[in-house]
Amino acid sequence: MISDRERLTNLVPRTLLRLAMWSLCLIIIGWAVLYFAQFIATLRIVTLPVAVALLLTALLFPLTRRFGAMGMRPIYATWLTMIIALAVLGVTGWIIGVRANDEFPGLLDQLRVTVKSVENWLYTGPLHLQPNQISTWVDEIGRQITAQRNQITQTVLTGATVALEVLASIVLLLFVTFFLLKDGDRIWSWFLKGFGDVAPRVDRAGRVAWVTLSHYVQGTVAVAAVHGVIMGIVLAGMGVPLWAPLAVLIFLASFIPIVGIFFAGAVATLVTLGAKGPLYALIFLGVLLVEQQLENHVLQPLIVGRVLHFHPLAIILVLAVGGILAGIAGAAVAVPVAAVIYRALPELLGGDPRPALPPAPPRPGAGGPHGSEGSGAPEDSSAPEGAGNPKGPGEAGEAGGSSGGSGGPGPAGAEGKPANEESPQPRG
């Protein structure tokens, strides 16, 4: 009698049936991923601070660990680490603010001169524009701003709401970073208790993820620091105003691969163009391109590439997804999150490592014991001869297996005699 399964197989080709099953699985997985991404995007005020806190913890934890190795209690080591990090941020912000306050008026004067030069070039250059044309463009821009006044006002109100969300996110970020630095191991142990029998597999995946994240963050900070210092020296050597804020902007933009440097480089090039003219802007752009190529082909592969092994196309796609879901912050954390998932997923889905086989016993007549030292593992057809096999050379393997069955490994037999007493001894 033909079953329903056989009848269905006869009606539908087997290849088409497999494709249908795979398509159904992909649809279910895509639906789950979509709803999970929407859930994360809805809770971005919580998820983004936690993600950034993990990045900061990976960056600051070596300092906390060093303080702990010096004999400090975890609470004091954590407080000292946080104070040092906040002091570095505060000093950097103060330097940027002082430089901006001193150099911004001069930048405005230089911009006026540059704008006047560009205007004269538009009149006398190859375009031969008329003054009334430029005036018409300026008036049109003013009318567009007036027409969009309500929308601009709503944007300002939305900006105030975003500012409150950013403030709350910063507070949450500091709290999460502090407790991860102080009680990270205890939090991880508590987290593993909820996975039962698969806890060892989750533990392995988590440790691989943490190593990947730490290497990525520390390597990216090193590369960004080199990038910012070199560009800051170039800007300062050219006499460009606001070189310190621009160097910090380049440093921060380097955390967003590929896309960030284009934004920061464009801003720095425009400031150089407005302050020093087109020649200095072209020189700076050339130095930026050369330094970027050195970073991509030397620094990134040596420091970060060994950990990620990501193709540039994969990085661009990950950045696009992160930017769509959570804006600039999502693009900043998209690459490390993808790297962690890429490295931890095989450990999470892979099987447990096979237990080590017991050592092979010495040959008969060698004078050594023949019992299984610490057997207690079940008999395996792939085990060496005599390790737990009662018909192996010498009967001590059976005795050792009996004693090992109680959980206590040892070289003695079941009757308390040494294993080599029942083994054949060499005769002189």
Protein backbone atom coordinates (compact mmCIF):
# COMPACT_ATOMS: atom_id res chain seq x y z
CA MET A 1 0.00 0.00 0.00
CA ILE A 2 1.42 3.40 -1.01
CA SER A 3 1.80 5.88 1.82
CA ASP A 4 1.00 9.60 1.56
CA ARG A 5 4.70 10.44 1.57
CA GLU A 6 5.45 8.14 -1.35
CA ARG A 7 2.42 9.45 -3.25
CA LEU A 8 3.65 13.06 -2.70
CA THR A 9 7.14 12.08 -3.82
CA ASN A 10 5.74 10.54 -6.98
CA LEU A 11 3.68 13.64 -7.79
CA VAL A 12 6.43 16.23 -7.04
CA PRO A 13 10.01 15.79 -8.25
CA ARG A 14 12.47 15.25 -5.42
CA THR A 15 14.64 18.24 -6.43
CA LEU A 16 11.66 20.58 -6.46
CA LEU A 17 10.56 19.26 -3.07
CA ARG A 18 13.99 19.97 -1.58
CA LEU A 19 14.02 23.47 -3.05
CA ALA A 20 10.59 24.12 -1.56
CA MET A 21 11.74 23.00 1.88
CA TRP A 22 14.86 25.13 1.71
CA SER A 23 12.82 28.12 0.56
CA LEU A 24 10.43 27.69 3.46
CA CYS A 25 13.35 27.53 5.90
CA LEU A 26 14.90 30.68 4.43
CA ILE A 27 11.58 32.53 4.64
CA ILE A 28 11.19 31.60 8.30
CA ILE A 29 14.78 32.62 9.08
CA GLY A 30 14.37 35.92 7.21
CA TRP A 31 11.14 36.65 9.04
CA ALA A 32 12.79 35.97 12.41
CA VAL A 33 15.81 38.12 11.57
CA LEU A 34 13.58 40.98 10.39
CA TYR A 35 11.50 41.03 13.56
CA PHE A 36 14.60 40.70 15.73
CA ALA A 37 16.22 43.67 13.94
CA GLN A 38 13.03 45.72 14.41
CA PHE A 39 13.00 44.79 18.08
CA ILE A 40 16.62 45.90 18.48
CA ALA A 41 15.92 49.14 16.58
CA THR A 42 12.93 49.86 18.81
CA LEU A 43 15.09 49.46 21.92
CA ARG A 44 18.04 51.36 20.45
CA ILE A 45 18.16 53.66 23.47
CA VAL A 46 19.17 50.54 25.47
CA THR A 47 20.91 48.33 22.92
CA LEU A 48 23.27 50.97 21.54
CA PRO A 49 24.61 52.08 24.96
CA VAL A 50 25.14 48.43 25.88
CA ALA A 51 26.98 47.77 22.60
CA VAL A 52 29.19 50.84 23.06
CA ALA A 53 29.79 49.85 26.69
CA LEU A 54 31.06 46.47 25.51
CA LEU A 55 33.47 48.24 23.15
CA LEU A 56 34.70 50.53 25.92
CA THR A 57 35.06 47.58 28.28
CA ALA A 58 37.16 45.71 25.72
CA LEU A 59 39.36 48.82 25.43
CA LEU A 60 39.69 49.59 29.16
CA PHE A 61 39.75 46.09 30.65
CA PRO A 62 43.53 45.57 30.15
CA LEU A 63 44.12 48.64 32.35
CA THR A 64 41.73 47.35 35.02
CA ARG A 65 43.36 43.93 34.92
CA ARG A 66 46.80 45.49 35.35
CA PHE A 67 45.61 47.42 38.39
CA GLY A 68 44.17 44.19 39.80
CA ALA A 69 47.49 42.42 39.24
CA MET A 70 49.14 45.14 41.33
CA GLY A 71 47.02 44.07 44.30
CA MET A 72 44.15 46.56 44.08
CA ARG A 73 40.61 45.47 44.90
CA PRO A 74 38.24 45.28 41.89
CA ILE A 75 36.17 48.26 43.02
CA TYR A 76 39.24 50.50 43.35
CA ALA A 77 40.76 49.26 40.07
CA THR A 78 37.49 49.98 38.27
CA TRP A 79 37.12 53.46 39.76
CA LEU A 80 40.71 54.34 38.88
CA THR A 81 40.20 53.12 35.30
CA MET A 82 37.03 55.17 34.88
CA ILE A 83 38.66 58.28 36.36
CA ILE A 84 41.63 57.97 33.99
CA ALA A 85 39.33 57.51 30.98
CA LEU A 86 37.15 60.49 31.93
CA ALA A 87 40.26 62.61 32.60
CA VAL A 88 41.63 61.83 29.14
CA LEU A 89 38.30 62.75 27.56
CA GLY A 90 38.04 65.92 29.63
CA VAL A 91 41.56 67.13 28.82
CA THR A 92 41.04 66.39 25.12
CA GLY A 93 37.73 68.30 25.10
CA TRP A 94 39.30 71.23 26.95
CA ILE A 95 42.18 71.47 24.47
CA ILE A 96 39.77 71.33 21.54
CA GLY A 97 37.54 74.00 23.08
CA VAL A 98 40.44 76.37 23.78
CA ARG A 99 41.86 75.94 20.28
CA ALA A 100 38.44 76.43 18.67
CA ASN A 101 37.76 79.56 20.73
CA ASP A 102 41.11 81.09 19.75
CA GLU A 103 41.13 80.14 16.05
CA PHE A 104 37.46 80.36 15.03
CA PRO A 105 37.38 84.19 14.52
CA GLY A 106 40.47 83.98 12.29
CA LEU A 107 38.85 81.16 10.34
CA LEU A 108 35.79 83.33 9.67
CA ASP A 109 37.99 86.13 8.30
CA GLN A 110 39.85 83.69 6.06
CA LEU A 111 36.56 82.24 4.84
CA ARG A 112 35.33 85.71 3.87
CA VAL A 113 38.47 86.28 1.85
CA THR A 114 38.15 82.88 0.18
CA VAL A 115 34.47 83.43 -0.66
CA LYS A 116 35.32 86.79 -2.20
CA SER A 117 38.06 85.15 -4.28
CA VAL A 118 35.69 82.42 -5.46
CA GLU A 119 33.08 85.04 -6.33
CA ASN A 120 35.59 87.00 -8.42
CA TRP A 121 36.61 83.77 -10.17
CA LEU A 122 32.98 83.05 -11.03
CA TYR A 123 32.70 86.52 -12.61
CA THR A 124 36.03 86.55 -14.46
CA GLY A 125 36.66 82.82 -14.93
CA PRO A 126 35.53 80.50 -17.70
CA LEU A 127 31.93 80.48 -16.42
CA HIS A 128 31.46 84.27 -16.89
CA LEU A 129 28.52 84.45 -14.50
CA GLN A 130 26.67 87.72 -13.94
CA PRO A 131 26.25 89.24 -10.45
CA ASN A 132 22.47 89.15 -10.77
CA GLN A 133 22.60 85.36 -11.29
CA ILE A 134 24.40 84.80 -7.99
CA SER A 135 22.00 87.21 -6.25
CA THR A 136 19.08 85.24 -7.66
CA TRP A 137 20.54 81.99 -6.27
CA VAL A 138 21.03 83.55 -2.82
CA ASP A 139 17.45 84.92 -2.79
CA GLU A 140 16.10 81.50 -3.81
CA ILE A 141 17.94 79.84 -0.95
CA GLY A 142 16.44 82.41 1.45
CA ARG A 143 12.92 81.75 0.15
CA GLN A 144 13.39 77.98 0.57
CA ILE A 145 14.50 78.47 4.17
CA THR A 146 11.50 80.66 4.89
CA ALA A 147 9.11 78.16 3.29
CA GLN A 148 10.55 75.32 5.36
CA ARG A 149 10.44 77.27 8.64
CA ASN A 150 7.84 75.01 10.24
CA GLN A 151 9.74 71.91 9.31
CA ILE A 152 12.95 73.43 10.68
CA THR A 153 11.15 74.26 13.95
CA GLN A 154 9.91 70.68 14.24
CA THR A 155 13.45 69.46 13.55
CA VAL A 156 14.75 71.63 16.40
CA LEU A 157 12.15 70.19 18.77
CA THR A 158 13.05 66.67 17.61
CA GLY A 159 16.68 67.56 18.19
CA ALA A 160 15.88 68.50 21.80
CA THR A 161 14.21 65.12 22.31
CA VAL A 162 17.20 63.39 20.77
CA ALA A 163 19.49 65.36 23.09
CA LEU A 164 17.59 64.01 26.11
CA GLU A 165 17.84 60.48 24.72
CA VAL A 166 21.58 60.93 24.17
CA LEU A 167 22.02 62.14 27.74
CA ALA A 168 20.12 59.14 29.12
CA SER A 169 22.15 56.83 26.87
CA ILE A 170 25.42 58.29 28.16
CA VAL A 171 24.37 57.71 31.77
CA LEU A 172 23.37 54.13 30.97
CA LEU A 173 26.63 53.62 29.06
CA LEU A 174 28.71 54.72 32.06
CA PHE A 175 26.82 52.43 34.45
CA VAL A 176 27.09 49.40 32.16
CA THR A 177 30.80 50.02 31.52
CA PHE A 178 31.51 50.34 35.24
CA PHE A 179 29.81 47.09 36.20
CA LEU A 180 31.27 45.18 33.26
CA LEU A 181 34.75 46.24 34.33
CA LYS A 182 34.11 45.41 37.96
CA ASP A 183 31.99 42.22 37.81
CA GLY A 184 32.39 41.00 34.23
CA ASP A 185 33.44 37.47 35.22
CA ARG A 186 30.63 37.12 37.76
CA ILE A 187 28.06 38.43 35.26
CA TRP A 188 29.28 35.92 32.68
CA SER A 189 29.11 33.02 35.19
CA TRP A 190 25.57 34.00 36.13
CA PHE A 191 24.65 34.25 32.44
CA LEU A 192 25.95 30.74 31.72
CA LYS A 193 23.76 29.16 34.41
CA GLY A 194 20.69 29.63 32.22
CA PHE A 195 21.98 27.35 29.44
CA GLY A 196 22.17 24.06 31.31
CA ASP A 197 23.96 21.31 29.38
CA VAL A 198 25.02 23.60 26.52
CA ALA A 199 26.76 26.03 28.90
CA PRO A 200 30.28 24.82 27.93
CA ARG A 201 29.54 25.45 24.26
CA VAL A 202 28.15 28.93 25.01
CA ASP A 203 31.18 29.61 27.20
CA ARG A 204 33.56 28.73 24.34
CA ALA A 205 31.61 30.92 21.92
CA GLY A 206 31.56 33.81 24.38
CA ARG A 207 35.30 33.63 25.00
CA VAL A 208 36.05 33.57 21.27
CA ALA A 209 33.70 36.53 20.80
CA TRP A 210 35.39 38.48 23.60
CA VAL A 211 38.88 37.86 22.20
CA THR A 212 37.70 38.98 18.74
CA LEU A 213 36.05 42.10 20.14
CA SER A 214 39.08 43.02 22.25
CA HIS A 215 41.49 42.64 19.36
CA TYR A 216 39.21 44.63 17.06
CA VAL A 217 38.74 47.54 19.48
CA GLN A 218 42.38 47.79 20.51
CA GLY A 219 43.59 47.48 16.93
CA THR A 220 41.09 50.03 15.65
CA VAL A 221 42.06 52.52 18.37
CA ALA A 222 45.73 52.12 17.44
CA VAL A 223 45.03 52.63 13.72
CA ALA A 224 42.73 55.61 14.39
CA ALA A 225 45.34 57.20 16.68
CA VAL A 226 48.04 56.91 14.01
CA HIS A 227 45.65 58.33 11.42
CA GLY A 228 44.60 61.27 13.59
CA VAL A 229 48.16 62.14 14.66
CA ILE A 230 49.52 62.13 11.11
CA MET A 231 46.67 64.26 9.75
CA GLY A 232 46.91 66.62 12.71
CA ILE A 233 50.64 67.15 12.07
CA VAL A 234 49.94 67.82 8.38
CA LEU A 235 47.18 70.35 9.17
CA ALA A 236 49.28 72.08 11.83
CA GLY A 237 52.26 72.25 9.45
CA MET A 238 50.10 73.93 6.81
CA GLY A 239 48.86 76.46 9.35
CA VAL A 240 45.20 75.42 8.99
CA PRO A 241 42.97 76.79 11.76
CA LEU A 242 41.14 74.31 14.00
CA TRP A 243 43.72 71.61 13.24
CA ALA A 244 43.24 70.01 16.68
CA PRO A 245 39.43 69.58 16.35
CA LEU A 246 39.89 68.30 12.81
CA ALA A 247 42.48 65.74 14.00
CA VAL A 248 40.06 64.52 16.68
CA LEU A 249 37.27 64.36 14.08
CA ILE A 250 39.49 62.19 11.85
CA PHE A 251 40.34 59.99 14.84
CA LEU A 252 36.66 59.45 15.71
CA ALA A 253 35.64 58.94 12.07
CA SER A 254 38.23 56.17 11.72
CA PHE A 255 36.02 53.96 13.91
CA ILE A 256 33.54 53.78 11.02
CA PRO A 257 35.44 51.84 8.34
CA ILE A 258 35.56 53.16 4.76
CA VAL A 259 32.70 55.65 5.19
CA GLY A 260 33.97 57.65 8.16
CA ILE A 261 37.24 58.75 6.63
CA PHE A 262 35.46 60.12 3.55
CA PHE A 263 33.27 62.33 5.74
CA ALA A 264 36.09 63.55 7.99
CA GLY A 265 38.45 64.02 5.03
CA ALA A 266 35.84 66.06 3.17
CA VAL A 267 35.31 68.36 6.18
CA ALA A 268 39.06 68.85 6.69
CA THR A 269 39.59 69.49 2.96
CA LEU A 270 36.81 72.10 2.88
CA VAL A 271 38.25 73.89 5.92
CA THR A 272 41.70 73.84 4.31
CA LEU A 273 40.18 75.17 1.07
CA GLY A 274 38.42 78.00 2.87
CA ALA A 275 41.39 78.92 5.06
CA LYS A 276 44.44 78.43 2.81
CA GLY A 277 43.13 78.18 -0.74
CA PRO A 278 42.89 75.46 -3.40
CA LEU A 279 46.62 74.66 -3.57
CA TYR A 280 46.88 73.70 0.11
CA ALA A 281 43.56 71.83 -0.16
CA LEU A 282 44.94 69.72 -3.04
CA ILE A 283 48.14 69.01 -1.10
CA PHE A 284 46.19 67.95 1.96
CA LEU A 285 43.88 65.76 -0.14
CA GLY A 286 46.89 64.04 -1.71
CA VAL A 287 48.49 63.36 1.69
CA LEU A 288 45.15 62.07 2.98
CA LEU A 289 44.78 59.64 0.07
CA VAL A 290 48.35 58.33 0.42
CA GLU A 291 47.99 57.88 4.17
CA GLN A 292 44.64 56.16 3.70
CA GLN A 293 46.19 53.70 1.25
CA LEU A 294 48.99 52.94 3.73
CA GLU A 295 46.39 52.38 6.44
CA ASN A 296 44.31 50.04 4.27
CA HIS A 297 47.22 47.98 2.97
CA VAL A 298 49.63 48.02 5.92
CA LEU A 299 48.10 48.97 9.26
CA GLN A 300 44.66 47.42 8.90
CA PRO A 301 45.87 44.00 7.65
CA LEU A 302 48.61 43.82 10.28
CA ILE A 303 46.60 44.96 13.29
CA VAL A 304 42.90 44.32 12.60
CA GLY A 305 42.72 42.16 9.50
CA ARG A 306 44.20 39.10 11.18
CA VAL A 307 41.23 38.97 13.52
CA LEU A 308 38.33 39.84 11.18
CA HIS A 309 39.24 38.38 7.77
CA PHE A 310 36.41 40.46 6.28
CA HIS A 311 36.18 41.33 2.60
CA PRO A 312 35.63 45.07 1.89
CA LEU A 313 32.29 44.25 0.23
CA ALA A 314 31.13 42.55 3.43
CA ILE A 315 32.21 45.59 5.46
CA ILE A 316 30.27 47.96 3.17
CA LEU A 317 27.12 45.83 3.37
CA VAL A 318 27.38 45.55 7.16
CA LEU A 319 27.85 49.31 7.44
CA ALA A 320 24.81 49.92 5.24
CA VAL A 321 22.62 47.64 7.36
CA GLY A 322 23.85 49.18 10.62
CA GLY A 323 23.35 52.71 9.31
CA ILE A 324 19.81 51.98 8.12
CA LEU A 325 18.83 50.38 11.42
CA ALA A 326 20.45 52.80 13.87
CA GLY A 327 22.09 55.69 12.03
CA ILE A 328 25.70 56.71 12.71
CA ALA A 329 25.88 54.79 15.99
CA GLY A 330 24.65 51.65 14.24
CA ALA A 331 27.30 52.01 11.56
CA ALA A 332 29.97 52.42 14.25
CA VAL A 333 29.10 49.15 16.01
CA ALA A 334 28.01 47.16 12.94
CA VAL A 335 31.45 45.81 11.97
CA PRO A 336 32.50 44.56 15.44
CA VAL A 337 29.07 42.98 15.98
CA ALA A 338 29.29 41.18 12.64
CA ALA A 339 32.85 40.06 13.43
CA VAL A 340 31.79 38.67 16.80
CA ILE A 341 28.89 36.76 15.26
CA TYR A 342 31.09 35.47 12.44
CA ARG A 343 33.73 34.10 14.83
CA ALA A 344 31.46 32.90 17.65
CA LEU A 345 28.76 31.17 15.61
CA PRO A 346 30.92 28.15 14.59
CA GLU A 347 31.85 27.58 18.24
CA LEU A 348 28.21 27.82 19.27
CA LEU A 349 26.88 25.44 16.61
CA GLY A 350 29.82 23.04 16.62
CA GLY A 351 29.83 19.85 18.65
CA ASP A 352 31.64 19.30 21.90
CA PRO A 353 35.30 18.32 21.54
CA ARG A 354 35.95 14.58 21.65
CA PRO A 355 37.40 13.36 24.95
CA ALA A 356 41.01 12.30 24.89
CA LEU A 357 41.61 8.56 24.51
CA PRO A 358 43.43 6.73 27.32
CA PRO A 359 47.15 6.20 26.74
CA ALA A 360 48.26 2.96 25.10
CA PRO A 361 49.82 0.40 27.51
CA PRO A 362 53.43 -0.73 27.06
CA ARG A 363 54.15 -3.95 25.21
CA PRO A 364 54.22 -7.22 27.19
CA GLY A 365 57.62 -7.99 28.59
CA ALA A 366 58.70 -4.37 28.80
CA GLY A 367 58.53 -4.49 32.60
CA GLY A 368 55.92 -1.74 32.91
CA PRO A 369 52.33 -1.96 34.15
CA HIS A 370 49.67 -3.11 31.68
CA GLY A 371 46.61 -1.79 33.46
CA SER A 372 44.66 1.21 32.25
CA GLU A 373 45.85 4.23 34.16
CA GLY A 374 42.72 6.12 34.80
CA SER A 375 40.34 4.25 32.52
CA GLY A 376 36.76 4.69 33.51
CA ALA A 377 35.70 5.80 30.05
CA PRO A 378 33.40 3.40 28.17
CA GLU A 379 34.96 0.87 25.85
CA ASP A 380 35.56 2.19 22.37
CA SER A 381 36.41 0.22 19.28
CA SER A 382 38.94 2.91 18.34
CA ALA A 383 40.76 2.65 21.68
CA PRO A 384 44.22 1.13 21.72
CA GLU A 385 44.46 -2.58 22.37
CA GLY A 386 44.49 -3.40 26.06
CA ALA A 387 42.96 -0.09 27.22
CA GLY A 388 39.81 -1.44 28.79
CA ASN A 389 39.67 -4.65 26.69
CA PRO A 390 39.62 -7.72 28.99
CA LYS A 391 41.12 -9.91 26.25
CA GLY A 392 44.12 -7.71 25.71
CA PRO A 393 47.62 -8.63 26.78
CA GLY A 394 47.43 -9.17 30.53
CA GLU A 395 44.34 -9.22 32.64
CA ALA A 396 45.15 -5.97 34.37
CA GLY A 397 43.17 -4.03 31.80
CA GLU A 398 39.99 -5.66 33.09
CA ALA A 399 40.98 -5.03 36.66
CA GLY A 400 41.81 -1.41 35.89
CA GLY A 401 38.49 -1.00 34.11
CA SER A 402 36.66 -2.39 37.13
CA SER A 403 38.38 -0.06 39.51
CA GLY A 404 37.90 2.85 37.14
CA GLY A 405 34.18 2.18 37.02
CA SER A 406 33.85 3.57 40.52
CA GLY A 407 35.21 6.90 39.33
CA GLY A 408 38.68 6.71 40.88
CA PRO A 409 41.40 6.15 38.32
CA GLY A 410 44.51 4.32 39.41
CA PRO A 411 47.06 1.77 38.29
CA ALA A 412 46.07 -0.87 40.90
CA GLY A 413 43.83 -3.83 40.08
CA ALA A 414 40.49 -4.67 41.62
CA GLU A 415 42.03 -6.81 44.37
CA GLY A 416 44.51 -4.20 45.44
CA LYS A 417 47.45 -5.89 43.73
CA PRO A 418 49.75 -3.96 41.48
CA ALA A 419 48.85 -4.34 37.85
CA ASN A 420 52.21 -5.75 36.83
CA GLU A 421 51.93 -8.83 39.09
CA GLU A 422 49.66 -10.57 36.62
CA SER A 423 51.71 -9.48 33.64
CA PRO A 424 54.29 -11.75 32.09
CA GLN A 425 57.74 -10.88 33.46
CA PRO A 426 60.95 -11.20 31.51
CA ARG A 427 63.13 -14.09 32.61
CA GLY A 428 66.86 -13.93 32.68
